[in-house]
Amino acid sequence: MDQELDNTVKVLLHKAGESNTFIREEVDKALKAMVNNVTPARALCSLINGGQSHLHSAVRRCTAQHLSEVVERMGPERILCGTKAVADRIFPAAARFAQDSSQQTRYYGRKMLCSMMAHPDFDKALEKYVLPKDFPYIKEAVTSLREKGLGEMPLDTPSAKGRRSQTSSVGHSRSSSTSRDALSVTDRE
């Protein structure tokens, strides 16, 4: 069953990168059902294995979103005082998501850190599990979270398709006026 769950989550996360809104919404529902119906440790492993290092930013965002739900469900006590394997997986993943190129993925990475930082052993665990190259940035992010809080969820940026259609319509009007100018110049000669 575990192998099937890993494969299913991997396929669902891959589908989260598609442009079709209906498919993305259905993927979100399926992953939410998975998070609510399997053990948190199982959901954690499947999500991290399936989407943490994916090349598509929408897949990483979806992974971070559902992983933050798992972290909230588990709570800081269970993560930091439970088995070493859980903390060993969550901290590097949260650190990686907190440094992602996507604003929303960074938000979910910070949200995971924020939900764990109330625990008294958080700073020691952070030092222990976060990679040394990532530690200064994550320490700065945690300091910012303590001072300013998590903040609001960033809004979706306009899709490339939307931007492309706006620029292409401008490009067409310019090209048509340019061709008219060229015709009027040839008419004058």
N, C-alpha and C. Protein backbone atom coordinates (compact mmCIF):
# COMPACT_ATOMS: atom_id res chain seq x y z
N MET A 1 0.82 -1.20 0.00
CA MET A 1 0.00 0.00 0.00
C MET A 1 0.87 1.26 0.00
N ASP A 2 1.99 1.22 0.74
CA ASP A 2 2.86 2.39 0.82
C ASP A 2 3.40 2.79 -0.55
N GLN A 3 3.82 1.78 -1.32
CA GLN A 3 4.36 2.07 -2.65
C GLN A 3 3.28 2.66 -3.55
N GLU A 4 2.07 2.16 -3.43
CA GLU A 4 0.96 2.69 -4.22
C GLU A 4 0.66 4.13 -3.84
N LEU A 5 0.71 4.42 -2.54
CA LEU A 5 0.47 5.79 -2.08
C LEU A 5 1.54 6.73 -2.64
N ASP A 6 2.80 6.32 -2.57
CA ASP A 6 3.88 7.15 -3.11
C ASP A 6 3.68 7.43 -4.59
N ASN A 7 3.34 6.40 -5.35
CA ASN A 7 3.12 6.58 -6.79
C ASN A 7 1.92 7.46 -7.07
N THR A 8 0.84 7.26 -6.32
CA THR A 8 -0.37 8.06 -6.51
C THR A 8 -0.10 9.53 -6.21
N VAL A 9 0.57 9.80 -5.10
CA VAL A 9 0.87 11.18 -4.72
C VAL A 9 1.79 11.82 -5.75
N LYS A 10 2.76 11.08 -6.24
CA LYS A 10 3.68 11.61 -7.24
C LYS A 10 2.93 12.00 -8.52
N VAL A 11 2.00 11.15 -8.96
CA VAL A 11 1.22 11.44 -10.16
C VAL A 11 0.30 12.64 -9.92
N LEU A 12 -0.36 12.67 -8.75
CA LEU A 12 -1.24 13.80 -8.44
C LEU A 12 -0.47 15.11 -8.40
N LEU A 13 0.69 15.10 -7.76
CA LEU A 13 1.49 16.32 -7.70
C LEU A 13 1.93 16.76 -9.09
N HIS A 14 2.28 15.81 -9.93
CA HIS A 14 2.66 16.14 -11.31
C HIS A 14 1.50 16.82 -12.04
N LYS A 15 0.28 16.34 -11.79
CA LYS A 15 -0.91 16.93 -12.42
C LYS A 15 -1.19 18.33 -11.87
N ALA A 16 -0.69 18.64 -10.68
CA ALA A 16 -0.90 19.98 -10.10
C ALA A 16 -0.21 21.06 -10.93
N GLY A 17 0.73 20.67 -11.76
CA GLY A 17 1.44 21.62 -12.61
C GLY A 17 0.73 21.93 -13.91
N GLU A 18 -0.40 21.29 -14.17
CA GLU A 18 -1.13 21.54 -15.42
C GLU A 18 -1.88 22.86 -15.36
N SER A 19 -2.15 23.41 -16.52
CA SER A 19 -2.81 24.72 -16.59
C SER A 19 -4.32 24.64 -16.41
N ASN A 20 -4.91 23.47 -16.58
CA ASN A 20 -6.36 23.30 -16.46
C ASN A 20 -6.79 23.47 -15.00
N THR A 21 -7.61 24.46 -14.73
CA THR A 21 -8.04 24.78 -13.36
C THR A 21 -8.82 23.63 -12.75
N PHE A 22 -9.69 22.99 -13.51
CA PHE A 22 -10.48 21.87 -13.00
C PHE A 22 -9.57 20.76 -12.49
N ILE A 23 -8.57 20.41 -13.26
CA ILE A 23 -7.65 19.34 -12.86
C ILE A 23 -6.90 19.74 -11.59
N ARG A 24 -6.42 20.97 -11.53
CA ARG A 24 -5.70 21.42 -10.33
C ARG A 24 -6.59 21.36 -9.09
N GLU A 25 -7.86 21.75 -9.24
CA GLU A 25 -8.79 21.71 -8.11
C GLU A 25 -9.06 20.28 -7.65
N GLU A 26 -9.20 19.37 -8.61
CA GLU A 26 -9.43 17.96 -8.27
C GLU A 26 -8.20 17.35 -7.61
N VAL A 27 -7.02 17.71 -8.08
CA VAL A 27 -5.78 17.25 -7.47
C VAL A 27 -5.72 17.73 -6.03
N ASP A 28 -6.07 18.99 -5.82
CA ASP A 28 -6.06 19.56 -4.48
C ASP A 28 -7.01 18.80 -3.55
N LYS A 29 -8.21 18.49 -4.04
CA LYS A 29 -9.18 17.73 -3.24
C LYS A 29 -8.64 16.34 -2.90
N ALA A 30 -8.05 15.67 -3.89
CA ALA A 30 -7.53 14.32 -3.67
C ALA A 30 -6.38 14.33 -2.66
N LEU A 31 -5.48 15.31 -2.77
CA LEU A 31 -4.37 15.39 -1.83
C LEU A 31 -4.85 15.75 -0.43
N LYS A 32 -5.86 16.60 -0.34
CA LYS A 32 -6.44 16.94 0.96
C LYS A 32 -7.05 15.70 1.61
N ALA A 33 -7.74 14.89 0.81
CA ALA A 33 -8.32 13.64 1.32
C ALA A 33 -7.22 12.69 1.78
N MET A 34 -6.13 12.62 1.03
CA MET A 34 -5.01 11.76 1.41
C MET A 34 -4.43 12.22 2.74
N VAL A 35 -4.21 13.52 2.90
CA VAL A 35 -3.63 14.07 4.13
C VAL A 35 -4.53 13.75 5.33
N ASN A 36 -5.84 13.80 5.12
CA ASN A 36 -6.79 13.57 6.21
C ASN A 36 -7.02 12.09 6.52
N ASN A 37 -6.65 11.19 5.61
CA ASN A 37 -7.00 9.77 5.79
C ASN A 37 -5.84 8.81 5.94
N VAL A 38 -4.62 9.27 5.83
CA VAL A 38 -3.48 8.39 6.10
C VAL A 38 -2.74 8.95 7.31
N THR A 39 -1.83 8.17 7.85
CA THR A 39 -1.08 8.65 9.01
C THR A 39 -0.25 9.86 8.59
N PRO A 40 -0.06 10.81 9.49
CA PRO A 40 0.73 11.99 9.14
C PRO A 40 2.15 11.65 8.66
N ALA A 41 2.77 10.66 9.27
CA ALA A 41 4.13 10.28 8.84
C ALA A 41 4.12 9.77 7.41
N ARG A 42 3.10 9.02 7.04
CA ARG A 42 2.98 8.49 5.69
C ARG A 42 2.74 9.61 4.69
N ALA A 43 1.84 10.55 5.05
CA ALA A 43 1.56 11.69 4.17
C ALA A 43 2.82 12.53 3.99
N LEU A 44 3.53 12.74 5.07
CA LEU A 44 4.77 13.52 5.05
C LEU A 44 5.78 12.91 4.07
N CYS A 45 6.03 11.62 4.19
CA CYS A 45 7.01 10.96 3.31
C CYS A 45 6.57 11.01 1.85
N SER A 46 5.30 10.73 1.60
CA SER A 46 4.81 10.71 0.22
C SER A 46 4.90 12.09 -0.43
N LEU A 47 4.52 13.12 0.32
CA LEU A 47 4.57 14.48 -0.23
C LEU A 47 6.01 14.92 -0.50
N ILE A 48 6.89 14.69 0.46
CA ILE A 48 8.29 15.11 0.28
C ILE A 48 8.93 14.36 -0.88
N ASN A 49 8.72 13.04 -0.93
CA ASN A 49 9.30 12.25 -2.02
C ASN A 49 8.73 12.64 -3.38
N GLY A 50 7.46 13.01 -3.40
CA GLY A 50 6.79 13.28 -4.67
C GLY A 50 6.99 14.66 -5.25
N GLY A 51 7.23 15.68 -4.40
CA GLY A 51 7.21 17.02 -4.97
C GLY A 51 8.20 18.04 -4.45
N GLN A 52 9.01 17.69 -3.45
CA GLN A 52 9.91 18.69 -2.88
C GLN A 52 10.92 19.22 -3.89
N SER A 53 11.43 18.36 -4.74
CA SER A 53 12.47 18.78 -5.69
C SER A 53 11.96 18.92 -7.11
N HIS A 54 10.66 18.96 -7.30
CA HIS A 54 10.09 19.04 -8.65
C HIS A 54 10.50 20.35 -9.32
N LEU A 55 10.66 20.31 -10.63
CA LEU A 55 11.09 21.49 -11.37
C LEU A 55 9.98 22.54 -11.52
N HIS A 56 8.73 22.11 -11.52
CA HIS A 56 7.60 23.02 -11.72
C HIS A 56 7.23 23.70 -10.40
N SER A 57 7.17 25.01 -10.40
CA SER A 57 6.89 25.76 -9.17
C SER A 57 5.50 25.48 -8.62
N ALA A 58 4.53 25.21 -9.49
CA ALA A 58 3.16 24.91 -9.02
C ALA A 58 3.13 23.59 -8.25
N VAL A 59 3.95 22.64 -8.66
CA VAL A 59 4.03 21.35 -7.97
C VAL A 59 4.67 21.55 -6.59
N ARG A 60 5.73 22.34 -6.53
CA ARG A 60 6.37 22.60 -5.23
C ARG A 60 5.43 23.36 -4.31
N ARG A 61 4.65 24.31 -4.86
CA ARG A 61 3.69 25.05 -4.05
C ARG A 61 2.63 24.12 -3.48
N CYS A 62 2.11 23.24 -4.32
CA CYS A 62 1.09 22.29 -3.90
C CYS A 62 1.65 21.35 -2.82
N THR A 63 2.87 20.90 -3.01
CA THR A 63 3.53 20.04 -2.03
C THR A 63 3.68 20.78 -0.70
N ALA A 64 4.17 22.01 -0.76
CA ALA A 64 4.37 22.80 0.46
C ALA A 64 3.05 23.08 1.17
N GLN A 65 2.01 23.35 0.40
CA GLN A 65 0.69 23.64 0.98
C GLN A 65 0.19 22.44 1.79
N HIS A 66 0.22 21.26 1.19
CA HIS A 66 -0.30 20.08 1.87
C HIS A 66 0.65 19.60 2.97
N LEU A 67 1.93 19.81 2.79
CA LEU A 67 2.88 19.47 3.85
C LEU A 67 2.68 20.37 5.07
N SER A 68 2.35 21.63 4.85
CA SER A 68 2.10 22.52 5.98
C SER A 68 0.85 22.08 6.75
N GLU A 69 -0.13 21.52 6.04
CA GLU A 69 -1.31 20.96 6.70
C GLU A 69 -0.93 19.77 7.58
N VAL A 70 -0.03 18.93 7.08
CA VAL A 70 0.44 17.78 7.86
C VAL A 70 1.18 18.25 9.10
N VAL A 71 2.04 19.26 8.95
CA VAL A 71 2.80 19.79 10.08
C VAL A 71 1.86 20.36 11.14
N GLU A 72 0.85 21.10 10.71
CA GLU A 72 -0.13 21.64 11.67
C GLU A 72 -0.89 20.53 12.37
N ARG A 73 -1.24 19.51 11.61
CA ARG A 73 -1.98 18.38 12.18
C ARG A 73 -1.14 17.62 13.20
N MET A 74 0.15 17.46 12.93
CA MET A 74 1.03 16.74 13.85
C MET A 74 1.33 17.56 15.10
N GLY A 75 1.55 18.84 14.91
CA GLY A 75 1.90 19.71 16.03
C GLY A 75 3.39 19.64 16.35
N PRO A 76 3.92 20.72 16.94
CA PRO A 76 5.37 20.79 17.19
C PRO A 76 5.87 19.72 18.17
N GLU A 77 5.06 19.37 19.15
CA GLU A 77 5.47 18.38 20.14
C GLU A 77 5.75 17.03 19.48
N ARG A 78 4.85 16.61 18.64
CA ARG A 78 4.99 15.31 17.98
C ARG A 78 6.14 15.31 16.97
N ILE A 79 6.38 16.45 16.33
CA ILE A 79 7.46 16.53 15.35
C ILE A 79 8.82 16.54 16.04
N LEU A 80 8.96 17.38 17.06
CA LEU A 80 10.26 17.56 17.70
C LEU A 80 10.58 16.51 18.76
N CYS A 81 9.58 15.92 19.37
CA CYS A 81 9.82 14.92 20.41
C CYS A 81 9.53 13.51 19.94
N GLY A 82 9.02 13.38 18.74
CA GLY A 82 8.71 12.07 18.19
C GLY A 82 9.95 11.42 17.61
N THR A 83 9.75 10.60 16.62
CA THR A 83 10.88 9.90 16.02
C THR A 83 11.79 10.88 15.28
N LYS A 84 13.05 10.54 15.26
CA LYS A 84 14.05 11.39 14.60
C LYS A 84 13.77 11.50 13.10
N ALA A 85 13.22 10.44 12.52
CA ALA A 85 12.97 10.42 11.08
C ALA A 85 12.00 11.51 10.64
N VAL A 86 11.03 11.85 11.48
CA VAL A 86 10.05 12.87 11.11
C VAL A 86 10.72 14.24 11.06
N ALA A 87 11.41 14.62 12.12
CA ALA A 87 12.09 15.92 12.16
C ALA A 87 13.18 15.98 11.09
N ASP A 88 13.82 14.86 10.86
CA ASP A 88 14.90 14.78 9.87
C ASP A 88 14.38 15.05 8.45
N ARG A 89 13.10 14.80 8.21
CA ARG A 89 12.51 15.05 6.90
C ARG A 89 11.86 16.43 6.82
N ILE A 90 11.17 16.84 7.90
CA ILE A 90 10.40 18.09 7.86
C ILE A 90 11.29 19.32 7.83
N PHE A 91 12.31 19.38 8.66
CA PHE A 91 13.13 20.60 8.73
C PHE A 91 13.83 20.93 7.41
N PRO A 92 14.52 19.97 6.77
CA PRO A 92 15.13 20.31 5.47
C PRO A 92 14.09 20.70 4.41
N ALA A 93 12.92 20.04 4.44
CA ALA A 93 11.87 20.38 3.47
C ALA A 93 11.34 21.78 3.71
N ALA A 94 11.05 22.11 4.97
CA ALA A 94 10.55 23.46 5.30
C ALA A 94 11.59 24.51 4.93
N ALA A 95 12.86 24.22 5.18
CA ALA A 95 13.93 25.16 4.84
C ALA A 95 14.01 25.36 3.33
N ARG A 96 13.88 24.29 2.60
CA ARG A 96 13.94 24.40 1.14
C ARG A 96 12.74 25.19 0.60
N PHE A 97 11.55 24.91 1.13
CA PHE A 97 10.36 25.63 0.68
C PHE A 97 10.43 27.10 1.08
N ALA A 98 11.01 27.40 2.23
CA ALA A 98 11.11 28.80 2.69
C ALA A 98 12.06 29.62 1.82
N GLN A 99 12.87 28.95 1.00
CA GLN A 99 13.81 29.63 0.11
C GLN A 99 13.42 29.50 -1.36
N ASP A 100 12.24 29.01 -1.64
CA ASP A 100 11.81 28.76 -3.01
C ASP A 100 11.65 30.06 -3.80
N SER A 101 11.64 29.95 -5.12
CA SER A 101 11.47 31.13 -5.97
C SER A 101 10.03 31.64 -5.97
N SER A 102 9.07 30.79 -5.67
CA SER A 102 7.66 31.18 -5.64
C SER A 102 7.28 31.77 -4.29
N GLN A 103 6.59 32.91 -4.30
CA GLN A 103 6.15 33.56 -3.06
C GLN A 103 5.26 32.65 -2.23
N GLN A 104 4.34 31.97 -2.89
CA GLN A 104 3.40 31.12 -2.16
C GLN A 104 4.11 29.93 -1.53
N THR A 105 5.05 29.34 -2.22
CA THR A 105 5.80 28.22 -1.66
C THR A 105 6.61 28.69 -0.47
N ARG A 106 7.23 29.86 -0.58
CA ARG A 106 7.98 30.42 0.57
C ARG A 106 7.05 30.65 1.75
N TYR A 107 5.84 31.13 1.48
CA TYR A 107 4.87 31.36 2.55
C TYR A 107 4.59 30.05 3.30
N TYR A 108 4.35 28.97 2.56
CA TYR A 108 4.06 27.68 3.21
C TYR A 108 5.28 27.14 3.95
N GLY A 109 6.47 27.37 3.42
CA GLY A 109 7.69 26.98 4.15
C GLY A 109 7.81 27.73 5.46
N ARG A 110 7.56 29.05 5.42
CA ARG A 110 7.60 29.85 6.66
C ARG A 110 6.48 29.45 7.62
N LYS A 111 5.34 29.07 7.05
CA LYS A 111 4.20 28.63 7.88
C LYS A 111 4.57 27.37 8.67
N MET A 112 5.28 26.45 8.02
CA MET A 112 5.73 25.24 8.72
C MET A 112 6.69 25.61 9.85
N LEU A 113 7.64 26.49 9.56
CA LEU A 113 8.58 26.92 10.58
C LEU A 113 7.86 27.62 11.72
N CYS A 114 6.89 28.46 11.38
CA CYS A 114 6.14 29.22 12.38
C CYS A 114 5.36 28.29 13.31
N SER A 115 4.77 27.24 12.75
CA SER A 115 3.98 26.34 13.59
C SER A 115 4.86 25.49 14.51
N MET A 116 6.13 25.32 14.17
CA MET A 116 7.03 24.52 15.02
C MET A 116 7.83 25.36 16.00
N MET A 117 7.95 26.67 15.76
CA MET A 117 8.89 27.47 16.55
C MET A 117 8.43 27.75 17.98
N ALA A 118 7.19 27.43 18.33
CA ALA A 118 6.72 27.62 19.70
C ALA A 118 7.33 26.58 20.65
N HIS A 119 7.83 25.49 20.10
CA HIS A 119 8.41 24.43 20.93
C HIS A 119 9.75 24.88 21.51
N PRO A 120 10.03 24.57 22.78
CA PRO A 120 11.29 25.02 23.40
C PRO A 120 12.55 24.45 22.74
N ASP A 121 12.47 23.29 22.10
CA ASP A 121 13.64 22.69 21.47
C ASP A 121 13.78 23.05 19.99
N PHE A 122 12.98 24.01 19.53
CA PHE A 122 12.97 24.35 18.11
C PHE A 122 14.34 24.82 17.61
N ASP A 123 14.98 25.74 18.34
CA ASP A 123 16.27 26.28 17.88
C ASP A 123 17.34 25.20 17.77
N LYS A 124 17.37 24.29 18.76
CA LYS A 124 18.34 23.19 18.71
C LYS A 124 18.06 22.27 17.52
N ALA A 125 16.79 21.98 17.30
CA ALA A 125 16.41 21.11 16.18
C ALA A 125 16.73 21.78 14.84
N LEU A 126 16.50 23.08 14.77
CA LEU A 126 16.79 23.83 13.55
C LEU A 126 18.28 23.71 13.20
N GLU A 127 19.11 23.90 14.20
CA GLU A 127 20.56 23.79 14.00
C GLU A 127 20.96 22.38 13.60
N LYS A 128 20.29 21.40 14.19
CA LYS A 128 20.64 20.00 13.97
C LYS A 128 20.23 19.50 12.58
N TYR A 129 19.03 19.89 12.12
CA TYR A 129 18.47 19.27 10.92
C TYR A 129 18.59 20.10 9.65
N VAL A 130 18.75 21.40 9.76
CA VAL A 130 18.85 22.24 8.56
C VAL A 130 20.30 22.21 8.06
N LEU A 131 20.46 22.11 6.77
CA LEU A 131 21.80 22.07 6.18
C LEU A 131 22.58 23.34 6.52
N PRO A 132 23.88 23.23 6.76
CA PRO A 132 24.68 24.41 7.12
C PRO A 132 24.61 25.54 6.10
N LYS A 133 24.52 25.22 4.81
CA LYS A 133 24.46 26.27 3.79
C LYS A 133 23.13 27.03 3.85
N ASP A 134 22.07 26.39 4.33
CA ASP A 134 20.75 27.02 4.43
C ASP A 134 20.51 27.69 5.78
N PHE A 135 21.29 27.30 6.78
CA PHE A 135 21.02 27.73 8.15
C PHE A 135 20.97 29.25 8.34
N PRO A 136 21.93 30.04 7.82
CA PRO A 136 21.86 31.50 8.05
C PRO A 136 20.57 32.12 7.52
N TYR A 137 20.14 31.71 6.34
CA TYR A 137 18.91 32.26 5.77
C TYR A 137 17.70 31.85 6.62
N ILE A 138 17.65 30.60 7.03
CA ILE A 138 16.51 30.11 7.80
C ILE A 138 16.49 30.76 9.18
N LYS A 139 17.65 30.95 9.77
CA LYS A 139 17.72 31.63 11.07
C LYS A 139 17.17 33.06 10.94
N GLU A 140 17.52 33.74 9.86
CA GLU A 140 17.01 35.09 9.60
C GLU A 140 15.49 35.07 9.39
N ALA A 141 15.00 34.06 8.66
CA ALA A 141 13.55 33.93 8.43
C ALA A 141 12.81 33.68 9.74
N VAL A 142 13.38 32.86 10.62
CA VAL A 142 12.76 32.58 11.92
C VAL A 142 12.75 33.84 12.78
N THR A 143 13.83 34.60 12.76
CA THR A 143 13.88 35.87 13.50
C THR A 143 12.80 36.81 13.00
N SER A 144 12.65 36.89 11.69
CA SER A 144 11.61 37.73 11.09
C SER A 144 10.22 37.25 11.49
N LEU A 145 10.02 35.94 11.51
CA LEU A 145 8.72 35.38 11.92
C LEU A 145 8.41 35.73 13.37
N ARG A 146 9.43 35.70 14.22
CA ARG A 146 9.22 36.03 15.64
C ARG A 146 8.88 37.51 15.82
N GLU A 147 9.50 38.36 15.02
CA GLU A 147 9.28 39.81 15.15
C GLU A 147 8.00 40.27 14.46
N LYS A 148 7.76 39.79 13.24
CA LYS A 148 6.66 40.31 12.43
C LYS A 148 5.49 39.35 12.28
N GLY A 149 5.69 38.08 12.58
CA GLY A 149 4.64 37.09 12.37
C GLY A 149 4.67 36.57 10.94
N LEU A 150 3.73 35.70 10.64
CA LEU A 150 3.69 35.04 9.33
C LEU A 150 3.25 35.97 8.22
N GLY A 151 2.30 36.83 8.50
CA GLY A 151 1.80 37.73 7.46
C GLY A 151 0.71 37.08 6.64
N GLU A 152 0.29 37.78 5.63
CA GLU A 152 -0.80 37.31 4.77
C GLU A 152 -0.28 36.39 3.67
N MET A 153 -1.16 35.54 3.21
CA MET A 153 -0.85 34.66 2.08
C MET A 153 -0.70 35.52 0.83
N PRO A 154 0.43 35.39 0.10
CA PRO A 154 0.60 36.19 -1.12
C PRO A 154 -0.44 35.80 -2.17
N LEU A 155 -0.85 36.77 -2.95
CA LEU A 155 -1.83 36.52 -3.99
C LEU A 155 -1.19 35.81 -5.16
N ASP A 156 -2.05 35.12 -5.93
CA ASP A 156 -1.59 34.48 -7.16
C ASP A 156 -1.10 35.53 -8.13
N THR A 157 0.04 35.32 -8.74
CA THR A 157 0.51 36.24 -9.77
C THR A 157 -0.20 35.89 -11.07
N PRO A 158 -0.37 36.85 -11.97
CA PRO A 158 -1.04 36.54 -13.23
C PRO A 158 -0.26 35.50 -14.00
N SER A 159 -0.98 34.65 -14.69
CA SER A 159 -0.31 33.58 -15.43
C SER A 159 0.42 34.15 -16.64
N ALA A 160 1.36 33.38 -17.10
CA ALA A 160 2.12 33.79 -18.29
C ALA A 160 1.19 33.89 -19.49
N LYS A 161 0.17 33.04 -19.51
CA LYS A 161 -0.78 33.06 -20.62
C LYS A 161 -1.49 34.41 -20.68
N GLY A 162 -1.90 34.91 -19.51
CA GLY A 162 -2.58 36.21 -19.46
C GLY A 162 -1.68 37.33 -19.92
N ARG A 163 -0.43 37.29 -19.48
CA ARG A 163 0.52 38.33 -19.90
C ARG A 163 0.80 38.23 -21.39
N ARG A 164 0.90 37.01 -21.89
CA ARG A 164 1.20 36.82 -23.30
C ARG A 164 0.08 37.37 -24.17
N SER A 165 -1.17 37.16 -23.76
CA SER A 165 -2.28 37.63 -24.60
C SER A 165 -2.33 39.16 -24.62
N GLN A 166 -1.96 39.81 -23.51
CA GLN A 166 -1.96 41.27 -23.48
C GLN A 166 -0.86 41.83 -24.37
N THR A 167 0.32 41.25 -24.29
CA THR A 167 1.43 41.77 -25.08
C THR A 167 1.25 41.45 -26.56
N SER A 168 0.63 40.29 -26.84
CA SER A 168 0.47 39.96 -28.26
C SER A 168 -0.54 40.88 -28.93
N SER A 169 -1.57 41.31 -28.19
CA SER A 169 -2.53 42.23 -28.80
C SER A 169 -1.88 43.58 -29.06
N VAL A 170 -0.99 44.00 -28.17
CA VAL A 170 -0.26 45.25 -28.38
C VAL A 170 0.67 45.09 -29.57
N GLY A 171 1.32 43.95 -29.64
CA GLY A 171 2.24 43.69 -30.74
C GLY A 171 1.54 43.71 -32.08
N HIS A 172 0.31 43.16 -32.13
CA HIS A 172 -0.44 43.14 -33.39
C HIS A 172 -0.82 44.55 -33.81
N SER A 173 -1.23 45.38 -32.87
CA SER A 173 -1.63 46.74 -33.24
C SER A 173 -0.43 47.53 -33.74
N ARG A 174 0.71 47.28 -33.13
CA ARG A 174 1.91 47.98 -33.59
C ARG A 174 2.31 47.50 -34.97
N SER A 175 2.24 46.20 -35.18
CA SER A 175 2.66 45.68 -36.48
C SER A 175 1.71 46.15 -37.58
N SER A 176 0.41 46.25 -37.24
CA SER A 176 -0.52 46.70 -38.28
C SER A 176 -0.30 48.18 -38.58
N SER A 177 -0.01 48.99 -37.55
CA SER A 177 0.24 50.41 -37.82
C SER A 177 1.56 50.58 -38.55
N THR A 178 2.52 49.73 -38.25
CA THR A 178 3.80 49.79 -38.94
C THR A 178 3.62 49.43 -40.40
N SER A 179 2.80 48.42 -40.67
CA SER A 179 2.59 48.04 -42.07
C SER A 179 1.81 49.12 -42.81
N ARG A 180 0.88 49.82 -42.12
CA ARG A 180 0.16 50.93 -42.75
C ARG A 180 1.13 52.05 -43.09
N ASP A 181 2.06 52.34 -42.15
CA ASP A 181 3.05 53.39 -42.39
C ASP A 181 3.92 53.02 -43.58
N ALA A 182 4.27 51.75 -43.67
CA ALA A 182 5.11 51.31 -44.78
C ALA A 182 4.36 51.45 -46.09
N LEU A 183 3.05 51.13 -46.07
CA LEU A 183 2.25 51.27 -47.29
C LEU A 183 2.12 52.74 -47.70
N SER A 184 1.90 53.62 -46.72
CA SER A 184 1.73 55.03 -47.06
C SER A 184 3.05 55.62 -47.57
N VAL A 185 4.17 55.12 -47.07
CA VAL A 185 5.47 55.59 -47.56
C VAL A 185 5.65 55.15 -49.01
N THR A 186 5.28 53.91 -49.32
CA THR A 186 5.44 53.43 -50.69
C THR A 186 4.46 54.12 -51.63
N ASP A 187 3.27 54.49 -51.12
CA ASP A 187 2.29 55.21 -51.95
C ASP A 187 2.82 56.59 -52.32
N ARG A 188 3.51 57.23 -51.37
CA ARG A 188 4.02 58.58 -51.60
C ARG A 188 5.11 58.58 -52.66
N GLU A 189 5.88 57.53 -52.72
CA GLU A 189 7.01 57.49 -53.66
C GLU A 189 6.53 57.23 -55.02
